[in-house]
């Protein structure tokens, strides 16, 4: 994925394997919402397996994000960079710290989901679905603490499947966020709609 982000004018570049492109979706959504343009460079597994690109990557993995002469790795570090660069990282250090809490909570949830999808899908799906309300409750709590859940999770700047039915604030938040015009256009685009959620087709 190549992106134009940090300053509204500069074009940045992100590179990912087909599998790693799923780690870039939050970046795509943020960039689309902010009206930024970006290019994506998807590396085939054949190219990746040759080893020279892997050897050039800081942690031997993608995504890789280039913004001018700045090269970043680690998807959450890239998200934080975009948030700071686009003025979306809170109005002060307290809001920035709360955003870190939310981002790390989302990462924990993503890891639980990935563990289910790639290692224990058939045996673990029912238990995961049962546990999901407990995983989502912290986000509902955070929303309730900011303008009674009528704004964003943190601050007043910028997820509704049935699993959110018992979380009215979280459900309304997803609807509110998804209705932002540029993000709505991105979410309904063929690029987003046709992108597989997981490499093994399970969800």
N, C-alpha and C. Protein backbone atom coordinates (compact mmCIF):
# COMPACT_ATOMS: atom_id res chain seq x y z
N UNK A 1 0.85 -1.17 0.00
CA UNK A 1 0.00 0.00 0.00
C UNK A 1 0.88 1.22 0.00
N UNK A 2 0.63 2.12 -0.89
CA UNK A 2 1.36 3.38 -0.90
C UNK A 2 0.38 4.47 -0.55
N UNK A 3 0.74 5.35 0.33
CA UNK A 3 -0.22 6.32 0.82
C UNK A 3 0.27 7.74 0.80
N UNK A 4 -0.65 8.69 0.60
CA UNK A 4 -0.31 10.09 0.69
C UNK A 4 -0.91 10.62 1.96
N UNK A 5 -0.13 10.77 3.00
CA UNK A 5 -0.76 11.02 4.26
C UNK A 5 -0.19 12.16 5.02
N UNK A 6 0.96 12.01 5.56
CA UNK A 6 1.43 12.86 6.65
C UNK A 6 1.14 14.32 6.47
N UNK A 7 1.66 14.93 5.46
CA UNK A 7 1.22 16.29 5.19
C UNK A 7 0.21 16.10 4.09
N UNK A 8 -0.79 16.89 4.02
CA UNK A 8 -1.86 16.63 3.06
C UNK A 8 -1.35 16.64 1.64
N UNK A 9 -0.17 17.18 1.40
CA UNK A 9 0.29 17.29 0.03
C UNK A 9 1.23 16.17 -0.38
N UNK A 10 1.99 15.62 0.55
CA UNK A 10 3.04 14.67 0.18
C UNK A 10 2.46 13.31 -0.13
N UNK A 11 3.11 12.58 -1.03
CA UNK A 11 2.65 11.22 -1.31
C UNK A 11 3.55 10.25 -0.59
N UNK A 12 2.96 9.36 0.16
CA UNK A 12 3.71 8.35 0.90
C UNK A 12 3.45 7.01 0.27
N UNK A 13 4.27 6.04 0.60
CA UNK A 13 4.18 4.73 -0.01
C UNK A 13 4.14 3.64 1.04
N UNK A 14 3.23 2.71 0.89
CA UNK A 14 3.21 1.55 1.78
C UNK A 14 3.25 0.30 0.93
N UNK A 15 4.00 -0.68 1.38
CA UNK A 15 4.17 -1.93 0.66
C UNK A 15 3.74 -3.07 1.56
N UNK A 16 3.02 -4.03 1.00
CA UNK A 16 2.56 -5.17 1.79
C UNK A 16 2.44 -6.40 0.91
N UNK A 17 2.58 -7.58 1.52
CA UNK A 17 2.25 -8.82 0.82
C UNK A 17 0.72 -8.89 0.77
N UNK A 18 0.20 -9.80 -0.05
CA UNK A 18 -1.25 -9.94 -0.13
C UNK A 18 -1.85 -10.23 1.25
N UNK A 19 -1.16 -11.07 2.03
CA UNK A 19 -1.67 -11.39 3.38
C UNK A 19 -1.61 -10.16 4.28
N UNK A 20 -0.55 -9.38 4.17
CA UNK A 20 -0.38 -8.22 5.05
C UNK A 20 -1.29 -7.06 4.68
N UNK A 21 -1.89 -7.09 3.48
CA UNK A 21 -2.76 -5.98 3.09
C UNK A 21 -3.93 -5.83 4.05
N UNK A 22 -4.35 -6.93 4.68
CA UNK A 22 -5.46 -6.84 5.64
C UNK A 22 -5.07 -6.00 6.85
N UNK A 23 -3.78 -5.97 7.18
CA UNK A 23 -3.31 -5.14 8.30
C UNK A 23 -3.35 -3.66 7.93
N UNK A 24 -3.55 -3.37 6.66
CA UNK A 24 -3.54 -1.98 6.19
C UNK A 24 -4.93 -1.36 6.13
N UNK A 25 -5.98 -2.13 6.42
CA UNK A 25 -7.34 -1.62 6.22
C UNK A 25 -7.64 -0.41 7.09
N UNK A 26 -7.19 -0.41 8.34
CA UNK A 26 -7.43 0.76 9.20
C UNK A 26 -6.73 1.99 8.63
N UNK A 27 -5.55 1.81 8.05
CA UNK A 27 -4.85 2.93 7.41
C UNK A 27 -5.65 3.44 6.23
N UNK A 28 -6.16 2.51 5.41
CA UNK A 28 -6.97 2.91 4.26
C UNK A 28 -8.19 3.72 4.72
N UNK A 29 -8.86 3.23 5.76
CA UNK A 29 -10.06 3.92 6.25
C UNK A 29 -9.73 5.32 6.75
N UNK A 30 -8.63 5.45 7.49
CA UNK A 30 -8.23 6.75 8.01
C UNK A 30 -7.92 7.71 6.86
N UNK A 31 -7.14 7.23 5.90
CA UNK A 31 -6.76 8.07 4.75
C UNK A 31 -7.98 8.46 3.93
N UNK A 32 -8.88 7.51 3.69
CA UNK A 32 -10.09 7.81 2.93
C UNK A 32 -10.94 8.85 3.65
N UNK A 33 -11.11 8.67 4.96
CA UNK A 33 -11.91 9.60 5.75
C UNK A 33 -11.34 11.01 5.70
N UNK A 34 -10.04 11.13 5.62
CA UNK A 34 -9.39 12.43 5.62
C UNK A 34 -9.16 12.98 4.21
N UNK A 35 -9.69 12.28 3.20
CA UNK A 35 -9.60 12.78 1.83
C UNK A 35 -8.20 12.69 1.24
N UNK A 36 -7.39 11.79 1.75
CA UNK A 36 -6.03 11.61 1.26
C UNK A 36 -6.02 10.59 0.13
N UNK A 37 -5.10 10.75 -0.81
CA UNK A 37 -4.94 9.75 -1.86
C UNK A 37 -3.77 8.85 -1.49
N UNK A 38 -3.77 7.62 -2.00
CA UNK A 38 -2.66 6.72 -1.73
C UNK A 38 -2.53 5.70 -2.82
N UNK A 39 -1.34 5.14 -2.91
CA UNK A 39 -1.07 4.05 -3.85
C UNK A 39 -0.71 2.83 -3.02
N UNK A 40 -1.05 1.68 -3.53
CA UNK A 40 -0.69 0.45 -2.85
C UNK A 40 0.25 -0.36 -3.72
N UNK A 41 1.23 -0.93 -3.09
CA UNK A 41 2.17 -1.81 -3.77
C UNK A 41 2.06 -3.17 -3.11
N UNK A 42 1.39 -4.09 -3.76
CA UNK A 42 1.20 -5.43 -3.19
C UNK A 42 2.26 -6.36 -3.77
N UNK A 43 3.01 -6.97 -2.89
CA UNK A 43 4.11 -7.85 -3.26
C UNK A 43 3.59 -9.29 -3.34
N UNK A 44 3.89 -9.96 -4.42
CA UNK A 44 3.46 -11.36 -4.53
C UNK A 44 4.27 -12.22 -3.56
N UNK A 45 3.71 -13.36 -3.19
CA UNK A 45 4.43 -14.26 -2.29
C UNK A 45 5.70 -14.76 -2.95
N UNK A 46 5.66 -14.92 -4.27
CA UNK A 46 6.85 -15.37 -5.01
C UNK A 46 7.99 -14.36 -4.83
N UNK A 47 7.67 -13.08 -4.98
CA UNK A 47 8.68 -12.03 -4.80
C UNK A 47 9.18 -12.01 -3.36
N UNK A 48 8.23 -12.11 -2.42
CA UNK A 48 8.60 -12.07 -1.00
C UNK A 48 9.52 -13.24 -0.64
N UNK A 49 9.24 -14.42 -1.18
CA UNK A 49 10.02 -15.61 -0.85
C UNK A 49 11.44 -15.57 -1.41
N UNK A 50 11.68 -14.69 -2.36
CA UNK A 50 13.06 -14.55 -2.88
C UNK A 50 13.98 -14.03 -1.80
N UNK A 51 13.43 -13.29 -0.84
CA UNK A 51 14.19 -12.94 0.35
C UNK A 51 14.84 -11.58 0.38
N UNK A 52 15.09 -10.96 -0.77
CA UNK A 52 15.82 -9.69 -0.73
C UNK A 52 14.97 -8.58 -0.12
N UNK A 53 13.68 -8.53 -0.43
CA UNK A 53 12.80 -7.52 0.17
C UNK A 53 12.66 -7.78 1.66
N UNK A 54 12.44 -9.02 2.04
CA UNK A 54 12.33 -9.38 3.46
C UNK A 54 13.57 -8.96 4.22
N UNK A 55 14.73 -9.20 3.64
CA UNK A 55 16.00 -8.84 4.29
C UNK A 55 16.15 -7.33 4.45
N UNK A 56 15.50 -6.57 3.57
CA UNK A 56 15.62 -5.11 3.64
C UNK A 56 14.65 -4.49 4.64
N UNK A 57 13.68 -5.28 5.12
CA UNK A 57 12.67 -4.76 6.06
C UNK A 57 13.19 -4.84 7.49
N UNK A 58 12.94 -3.81 8.25
CA UNK A 58 13.49 -3.69 9.60
C UNK A 58 13.23 -4.93 10.45
N UNK A 59 11.99 -5.41 10.48
CA UNK A 59 11.66 -6.59 11.27
C UNK A 59 11.46 -7.82 10.40
N UNK A 60 11.86 -7.74 9.15
CA UNK A 60 11.68 -8.87 8.25
C UNK A 60 10.23 -9.13 7.92
N UNK A 61 9.40 -8.07 7.98
CA UNK A 61 7.97 -8.24 7.69
C UNK A 61 7.38 -6.94 7.14
N UNK A 62 6.22 -7.07 6.56
CA UNK A 62 5.46 -5.94 6.03
C UNK A 62 4.18 -5.82 6.86
N UNK A 63 3.49 -4.67 6.82
CA UNK A 63 3.63 -3.57 5.88
C UNK A 63 4.81 -2.64 6.18
N UNK A 64 5.20 -1.96 5.12
CA UNK A 64 6.24 -0.93 5.16
C UNK A 64 5.59 0.34 4.63
N UNK A 65 5.83 1.43 5.30
CA UNK A 65 5.17 2.69 4.94
C UNK A 65 6.23 3.76 4.74
N UNK A 66 6.21 4.41 3.59
CA UNK A 66 7.15 5.49 3.33
C UNK A 66 6.40 6.79 3.17
N UNK A 67 6.84 7.79 3.91
CA UNK A 67 6.26 9.12 3.86
C UNK A 67 7.43 10.08 3.65
N UNK A 68 7.68 10.42 2.40
CA UNK A 68 8.86 11.21 2.10
C UNK A 68 10.10 10.39 2.41
N UNK A 69 10.99 10.93 3.23
CA UNK A 69 12.21 10.18 3.57
C UNK A 69 12.05 9.36 4.87
N UNK A 70 10.83 9.32 5.41
CA UNK A 70 10.55 8.54 6.61
C UNK A 70 10.02 7.17 6.22
N UNK A 71 10.66 6.11 6.69
CA UNK A 71 10.21 4.74 6.45
C UNK A 71 9.78 4.14 7.78
N UNK A 72 8.56 3.62 7.82
CA UNK A 72 8.02 3.03 9.04
C UNK A 72 7.61 1.59 8.81
N UNK A 73 7.70 0.81 9.88
CA UNK A 73 7.20 -0.56 9.91
C UNK A 73 6.27 -0.66 11.11
N UNK A 74 5.52 -1.76 11.19
CA UNK A 74 4.56 -2.02 12.27
C UNK A 74 3.28 -1.20 12.04
N UNK A 75 2.19 -1.90 11.77
CA UNK A 75 0.95 -1.24 11.37
C UNK A 75 0.43 -0.26 12.42
N UNK A 76 0.55 -0.57 13.70
CA UNK A 76 0.05 0.37 14.70
C UNK A 76 0.92 1.62 14.81
N UNK A 77 2.23 1.47 14.59
CA UNK A 77 3.11 2.65 14.57
C UNK A 77 2.74 3.54 13.38
N UNK A 78 2.42 2.91 12.26
CA UNK A 78 2.02 3.67 11.07
C UNK A 78 0.71 4.41 11.35
N UNK A 79 -0.25 3.73 11.98
CA UNK A 79 -1.52 4.38 12.33
C UNK A 79 -1.29 5.59 13.23
N UNK A 80 -0.43 5.44 14.23
CA UNK A 80 -0.15 6.54 15.15
C UNK A 80 0.50 7.71 14.41
N UNK A 81 1.40 7.39 13.50
CA UNK A 81 2.04 8.44 12.70
C UNK A 81 1.01 9.19 11.87
N UNK A 82 0.11 8.45 11.23
CA UNK A 82 -0.93 9.09 10.43
C UNK A 82 -1.83 9.95 11.32
N UNK A 83 -2.20 9.42 12.49
CA UNK A 83 -3.05 10.18 13.41
C UNK A 83 -2.39 11.50 13.81
N UNK A 84 -1.11 11.44 14.18
CA UNK A 84 -0.40 12.67 14.57
C UNK A 84 -0.28 13.63 13.38
N UNK A 85 0.09 13.07 12.21
CA UNK A 85 0.32 13.91 11.04
C UNK A 85 -0.95 14.59 10.53
N UNK A 86 -2.08 13.93 10.72
CA UNK A 86 -3.35 14.47 10.22
C UNK A 86 -4.16 15.17 11.31
N UNK A 87 -3.54 15.41 12.46
CA UNK A 87 -4.21 16.13 13.54
C UNK A 87 -5.32 15.34 14.20
N UNK A 88 -5.17 14.01 14.24
CA UNK A 88 -6.22 13.14 14.80
C UNK A 88 -5.74 12.37 16.03
N UNK A 89 -4.72 12.89 16.69
CA UNK A 89 -4.15 12.15 17.82
C UNK A 89 -4.48 12.80 19.15
N UNK A 90 -5.65 13.40 19.22
CA UNK A 90 -6.10 14.03 20.45
C UNK A 90 -5.61 15.45 20.58
N UNK A 91 -6.32 16.21 21.43
CA UNK A 91 -5.97 17.64 21.59
C UNK A 91 -4.86 17.84 22.60
N UNK A 92 -4.56 16.81 23.40
CA UNK A 92 -3.52 16.94 24.42
C UNK A 92 -2.97 15.54 24.74
N UNK A 93 -2.01 15.49 25.67
CA UNK A 93 -1.38 14.21 26.00
C UNK A 93 -2.36 13.22 26.62
N UNK A 94 -3.33 13.72 27.36
CA UNK A 94 -4.31 12.83 27.97
C UNK A 94 -5.13 12.12 26.90
N UNK A 95 -5.63 12.88 25.92
CA UNK A 95 -6.39 12.24 24.84
C UNK A 95 -5.51 11.30 24.03
N UNK A 96 -4.25 11.68 23.80
CA UNK A 96 -3.33 10.80 23.06
C UNK A 96 -3.15 9.48 23.81
N UNK A 97 -3.02 9.56 25.14
CA UNK A 97 -2.86 8.34 25.95
C UNK A 97 -4.11 7.47 25.86
N UNK A 98 -5.31 8.09 25.89
CA UNK A 98 -6.55 7.33 25.76
C UNK A 98 -6.65 6.67 24.38
N UNK A 99 -6.19 7.36 23.35
CA UNK A 99 -6.18 6.78 22.01
C UNK A 99 -5.27 5.56 21.96
N UNK A 100 -4.14 5.63 22.67
CA UNK A 100 -3.25 4.46 22.75
C UNK A 100 -3.96 3.29 23.42
N UNK A 101 -4.72 3.58 24.48
CA UNK A 101 -5.47 2.53 25.18
C UNK A 101 -6.45 1.86 24.21
N UNK A 102 -7.17 2.67 23.44
CA UNK A 102 -8.15 2.14 22.49
C UNK A 102 -7.45 1.31 21.41
N UNK A 103 -6.39 1.87 20.84
CA UNK A 103 -5.68 1.17 19.76
C UNK A 103 -5.13 -0.16 20.24
N UNK A 104 -4.56 -0.18 21.44
CA UNK A 104 -4.01 -1.42 21.96
C UNK A 104 -5.12 -2.41 22.30
N UNK A 105 -6.27 -1.90 22.74
CA UNK A 105 -7.42 -2.78 22.99
C UNK A 105 -7.93 -3.41 21.71
N UNK A 106 -7.96 -2.62 20.64
CA UNK A 106 -8.37 -3.15 19.33
C UNK A 106 -7.37 -4.22 18.87
N UNK A 107 -6.08 -3.96 19.11
CA UNK A 107 -5.06 -4.94 18.73
C UNK A 107 -5.24 -6.25 19.49
N UNK A 108 -5.54 -6.16 20.79
CA UNK A 108 -5.80 -7.38 21.57
C UNK A 108 -6.98 -8.15 20.97
N UNK A 109 -8.04 -7.44 20.62
CA UNK A 109 -9.22 -8.07 20.04
C UNK A 109 -8.88 -8.71 18.69
N UNK A 110 -8.09 -8.00 17.88
CA UNK A 110 -7.67 -8.52 16.58
C UNK A 110 -6.85 -9.81 16.74
N UNK A 111 -5.98 -9.84 17.73
CA UNK A 111 -5.16 -11.04 17.97
C UNK A 111 -6.02 -12.23 18.38
N UNK A 112 -7.03 -11.99 19.23
CA UNK A 112 -7.94 -13.07 19.62
C UNK A 112 -8.68 -13.61 18.39
N UNK A 113 -9.11 -12.69 17.53
CA UNK A 113 -9.83 -13.06 16.32
C UNK A 113 -8.92 -13.86 15.39
N UNK A 114 -7.68 -13.38 15.20
CA UNK A 114 -6.74 -14.07 14.31
C UNK A 114 -6.42 -15.46 14.83
N UNK A 115 -6.29 -15.60 16.13
CA UNK A 115 -6.03 -16.90 16.73
C UNK A 115 -7.17 -17.87 16.40
N UNK A 116 -8.40 -17.38 16.51
CA UNK A 116 -9.56 -18.21 16.17
C UNK A 116 -9.52 -18.59 14.69
N UNK A 117 -9.38 -17.61 13.83
CA UNK A 117 -9.48 -17.82 12.38
C UNK A 117 -8.41 -18.76 11.86
N UNK A 118 -7.19 -18.61 12.36
CA UNK A 118 -6.08 -19.35 11.77
C UNK A 118 -5.65 -20.60 12.54
N UNK A 119 -6.15 -20.80 13.76
CA UNK A 119 -5.67 -21.97 14.50
C UNK A 119 -6.78 -22.84 15.09
N UNK A 120 -7.96 -22.28 15.32
CA UNK A 120 -8.95 -23.05 16.08
C UNK A 120 -10.37 -22.74 15.63
N UNK A 121 -10.57 -22.56 14.35
CA UNK A 121 -11.85 -22.04 13.88
C UNK A 121 -13.03 -22.96 14.21
N UNK A 122 -12.96 -24.20 13.79
CA UNK A 122 -14.11 -25.10 13.98
C UNK A 122 -14.39 -25.35 15.46
N UNK A 123 -13.36 -25.64 16.22
CA UNK A 123 -13.56 -25.97 17.64
C UNK A 123 -13.79 -24.74 18.50
N UNK A 124 -13.26 -23.60 18.07
CA UNK A 124 -13.29 -22.43 18.94
C UNK A 124 -14.32 -21.37 18.62
N UNK A 125 -15.02 -21.49 17.48
CA UNK A 125 -15.93 -20.42 17.05
C UNK A 125 -17.03 -20.15 18.06
N UNK A 126 -17.69 -21.20 18.54
CA UNK A 126 -18.81 -21.02 19.47
C UNK A 126 -18.36 -20.33 20.75
N UNK A 127 -17.23 -20.74 21.29
CA UNK A 127 -16.71 -20.14 22.52
C UNK A 127 -16.32 -18.68 22.29
N UNK A 128 -15.73 -18.39 21.11
CA UNK A 128 -15.34 -17.02 20.78
C UNK A 128 -16.58 -16.11 20.72
N UNK A 129 -17.62 -16.59 20.04
CA UNK A 129 -18.85 -15.78 19.92
C UNK A 129 -19.46 -15.53 21.30
N UNK A 130 -19.40 -16.53 22.17
CA UNK A 130 -19.90 -16.36 23.55
C UNK A 130 -19.09 -15.32 24.31
N UNK A 131 -17.78 -15.32 24.10
CA UNK A 131 -16.88 -14.40 24.82
C UNK A 131 -16.87 -13.00 24.22
N UNK A 132 -17.36 -12.85 22.98
CA UNK A 132 -17.25 -11.57 22.27
C UNK A 132 -17.87 -10.39 23.02
N UNK A 133 -19.04 -10.52 23.64
CA UNK A 133 -19.58 -9.38 24.40
C UNK A 133 -18.60 -8.87 25.46
N UNK A 134 -17.89 -9.77 26.11
CA UNK A 134 -16.90 -9.35 27.11
C UNK A 134 -15.74 -8.62 26.48
N UNK A 135 -15.37 -9.02 25.26
CA UNK A 135 -14.28 -8.33 24.55
C UNK A 135 -14.70 -6.93 24.10
N UNK A 136 -16.00 -6.77 23.77
CA UNK A 136 -16.49 -5.49 23.26
C UNK A 136 -16.87 -4.50 24.36
N UNK A 137 -17.16 -5.00 25.55
CA UNK A 137 -17.64 -4.15 26.64
C UNK A 137 -16.71 -2.97 26.96
N UNK A 138 -15.39 -3.16 26.97
CA UNK A 138 -14.53 -2.00 27.27
C UNK A 138 -14.73 -0.82 26.32
N UNK A 139 -15.01 -1.12 25.04
CA UNK A 139 -15.22 -0.04 24.07
C UNK A 139 -16.53 0.69 24.35
N UNK A 140 -17.55 -0.06 24.75
CA UNK A 140 -18.82 0.55 25.16
C UNK A 140 -18.60 1.44 26.38
N UNK A 141 -17.80 0.97 27.33
CA UNK A 141 -17.50 1.75 28.53
C UNK A 141 -16.78 3.04 28.17
N UNK A 142 -15.77 2.95 27.31
CA UNK A 142 -15.04 4.15 26.89
C UNK A 142 -15.95 5.15 26.19
N UNK A 143 -16.84 4.65 25.34
CA UNK A 143 -17.78 5.54 24.66
C UNK A 143 -18.69 6.24 25.66
N UNK A 144 -19.15 5.51 26.67
CA UNK A 144 -20.07 6.10 27.65
C UNK A 144 -19.42 7.23 28.44
N UNK A 145 -18.09 7.22 28.50
CA UNK A 145 -17.36 8.23 29.28
C UNK A 145 -17.08 9.50 28.48
N UNK A 146 -17.45 9.52 27.21
CA UNK A 146 -17.21 10.70 26.38
C UNK A 146 -18.54 11.19 25.80
N UNK A 147 -19.07 12.25 26.38
CA UNK A 147 -20.33 12.85 25.93
C UNK A 147 -21.46 11.83 25.87
N UNK A 148 -21.48 10.92 26.85
CA UNK A 148 -22.55 9.94 26.93
C UNK A 148 -22.63 9.01 25.75
N UNK A 149 -21.52 8.85 25.03
CA UNK A 149 -21.49 7.95 23.88
C UNK A 149 -21.98 8.58 22.60
N UNK A 150 -22.19 9.90 22.60
CA UNK A 150 -22.73 10.56 21.41
C UNK A 150 -21.65 11.12 20.50
N UNK A 151 -20.37 11.04 20.92
CA UNK A 151 -19.27 11.55 20.11
C UNK A 151 -18.41 10.38 19.64
N UNK A 152 -17.12 10.53 19.76
CA UNK A 152 -16.20 9.46 19.38
C UNK A 152 -15.68 8.79 20.65
N UNK A 153 -14.88 7.76 20.50
CA UNK A 153 -14.37 7.08 21.69
C UNK A 153 -13.52 8.02 22.51
N UNK A 154 -12.72 8.84 21.83
CA UNK A 154 -11.88 9.84 22.51
C UNK A 154 -12.08 11.17 21.80
N UNK A 155 -12.31 12.21 22.56
CA UNK A 155 -12.44 13.55 21.98
C UNK A 155 -13.69 13.69 21.12
N UNK A 156 -13.65 14.69 20.23
CA UNK A 156 -14.79 14.88 19.33
C UNK A 156 -14.37 14.82 17.88
N UNK A 157 -13.24 14.18 17.63
CA UNK A 157 -12.78 13.93 16.27
C UNK A 157 -12.99 12.45 15.94
N UNK A 158 -12.76 12.43 14.67
CA UNK A 158 -12.77 11.05 14.27
C UNK A 158 -11.72 10.13 14.88
N UNK A 159 -17.34 0.25 13.78
CA UNK A 159 -17.08 -1.17 13.87
C UNK A 159 -18.43 -1.80 13.57
N UNK A 160 -22.25 -2.35 11.72
CA UNK A 160 -23.03 -2.66 12.91
C UNK A 160 -23.59 -4.04 12.80
N UNK A 161 -22.57 -5.00 12.95
CA UNK A 161 -23.09 -6.35 12.91
C UNK A 161 -23.91 -6.68 14.15
N UNK A 162 -24.63 -7.79 14.09
CA UNK A 162 -25.53 -8.15 15.19
C UNK A 162 -24.80 -8.35 16.50
N UNK A 163 -23.49 -8.62 16.47
CA UNK A 163 -22.76 -8.83 17.72
C UNK A 163 -22.72 -7.55 18.55
N UNK A 164 -23.10 -6.41 17.95
CA UNK A 164 -23.10 -5.14 18.68
C UNK A 164 -24.48 -4.79 19.24
N UNK A 165 -25.47 -5.65 19.04
CA UNK A 165 -26.83 -5.33 19.45
C UNK A 165 -26.95 -4.98 20.93
N UNK A 166 -26.15 -5.63 21.76
CA UNK A 166 -26.26 -5.35 23.20
C UNK A 166 -25.35 -4.20 23.63
N UNK A 167 -24.75 -3.51 22.66
CA UNK A 167 -23.88 -2.37 22.94
C UNK A 167 -24.37 -1.17 22.14
N UNK A 168 -25.42 -0.50 22.61
CA UNK A 168 -26.03 0.57 21.82
C UNK A 168 -25.08 1.72 21.50
N UNK A 169 -24.20 2.08 22.42
CA UNK A 169 -23.28 3.19 22.15
C UNK A 169 -22.26 2.79 21.10
N UNK A 170 -21.71 1.58 21.22
CA UNK A 170 -20.73 1.11 20.25
C UNK A 170 -21.37 0.94 18.88
N UNK A 171 -22.58 0.41 18.85
CA UNK A 171 -23.30 0.23 17.60
C UNK A 171 -23.57 1.58 16.93
N UNK A 172 -24.03 2.56 17.71
CA UNK A 172 -24.30 3.90 17.17
C UNK A 172 -23.01 4.56 16.71
N UNK A 173 -21.92 4.29 17.42
CA UNK A 173 -20.62 4.84 17.05
C UNK A 173 -20.19 4.33 15.67
N UNK A 174 -20.38 3.02 15.44
CA UNK A 174 -20.03 2.43 14.15
C UNK A 174 -20.86 3.08 13.04
N UNK A 175 -22.14 3.24 13.29
CA UNK A 175 -23.02 3.87 12.30
C UNK A 175 -22.58 5.30 12.03
N UNK A 176 -22.30 6.04 13.10
CA UNK A 176 -21.89 7.45 12.98
C UNK A 176 -20.57 7.57 12.20
N UNK A 177 -19.61 6.72 12.54
CA UNK A 177 -18.30 6.77 11.88
C UNK A 177 -18.44 6.37 10.41
N UNK A 178 -19.21 5.32 10.16
CA UNK A 178 -19.37 4.82 8.79
C UNK A 178 -20.15 5.78 7.90
N UNK A 179 -20.86 6.73 8.50
CA UNK A 179 -21.65 7.69 7.72
C UNK A 179 -20.84 8.91 7.29
N UNK A 180 -19.60 9.04 7.79
CA UNK A 180 -18.76 10.16 7.35
C UNK A 180 -18.59 10.04 5.84
N UNK A 181 -18.89 11.10 5.06
CA UNK A 181 -19.01 10.97 3.60
C UNK A 181 -17.86 10.27 2.89
N UNK A 182 -16.63 10.67 3.16
CA UNK A 182 -15.50 10.07 2.45
C UNK A 182 -15.28 8.63 2.89
N UNK A 183 -15.46 8.36 4.17
CA UNK A 183 -15.31 6.99 4.66
C UNK A 183 -16.43 6.11 4.12
N UNK A 184 -17.64 6.66 4.06
CA UNK A 184 -18.78 5.91 3.52
C UNK A 184 -18.51 5.51 2.07
N UNK A 185 -17.95 6.45 1.29
CA UNK A 185 -17.64 6.16 -0.11
C UNK A 185 -16.59 5.05 -0.21
N UNK A 186 -15.58 5.12 0.66
CA UNK A 186 -14.54 4.09 0.65
C UNK A 186 -15.12 2.73 1.05
N UNK A 187 -15.93 2.71 2.11
CA UNK A 187 -16.47 1.45 2.59
C UNK A 187 -17.40 0.77 1.58
N UNK A 188 -17.99 1.57 0.69
CA UNK A 188 -18.87 0.97 -0.32
C UNK A 188 -18.14 0.73 -1.64
N UNK A 189 -16.85 1.07 -1.71
CA UNK A 189 -16.10 0.89 -2.96
C UNK A 189 -15.80 -0.58 -3.20
N UNK A 190 -15.68 -0.98 -4.47
CA UNK A 190 -15.36 -2.38 -4.79
C UNK A 190 -14.03 -2.83 -4.16
N UNK A 191 -13.07 -1.90 -4.06
CA UNK A 191 -11.77 -2.24 -3.47
C UNK A 191 -11.93 -2.73 -2.03
N UNK A 192 -12.81 -2.08 -1.28
CA UNK A 192 -13.03 -2.49 0.10
C UNK A 192 -13.96 -3.70 0.18
N UNK A 193 -15.07 -3.64 -0.53
CA UNK A 193 -16.09 -4.69 -0.45
C UNK A 193 -15.54 -6.04 -0.91
N UNK A 194 -14.70 -6.03 -1.95
CA UNK A 194 -14.20 -7.29 -2.52
C UNK A 194 -12.91 -7.78 -1.89
N UNK A 195 -12.35 -7.02 -0.93
CA UNK A 195 -11.10 -7.44 -0.29
C UNK A 195 -11.42 -8.50 0.76
N UNK A 196 -10.80 -9.70 0.67
CA UNK A 196 -11.09 -10.74 1.66
C UNK A 196 -10.68 -10.29 3.05
N UNK A 197 -11.47 -10.65 4.05
CA UNK A 197 -11.15 -10.29 5.43
C UNK A 197 -9.96 -11.10 5.91
N UNK A 198 -9.94 -12.38 5.58
CA UNK A 198 -8.88 -13.27 6.04
C UNK A 198 -8.34 -14.08 4.87
N UNK A 199 -7.09 -14.48 4.98
CA UNK A 199 -6.46 -15.22 3.91
C UNK A 199 -7.04 -16.60 3.68
N UNK A 200 -7.69 -17.18 4.70
CA UNK A 200 -8.24 -18.52 4.56
C UNK A 200 -9.74 -18.53 4.27
N UNK A 201 -10.32 -17.35 4.06
CA UNK A 201 -11.73 -17.28 3.69
C UNK A 201 -12.71 -17.42 4.84
N UNK A 202 -12.23 -17.62 6.06
CA UNK A 202 -13.13 -17.77 7.21
C UNK A 202 -13.35 -16.43 7.86
N UNK A 203 -14.54 -16.28 8.49
CA UNK A 203 -14.84 -15.04 9.22
C UNK A 203 -15.96 -15.25 10.21
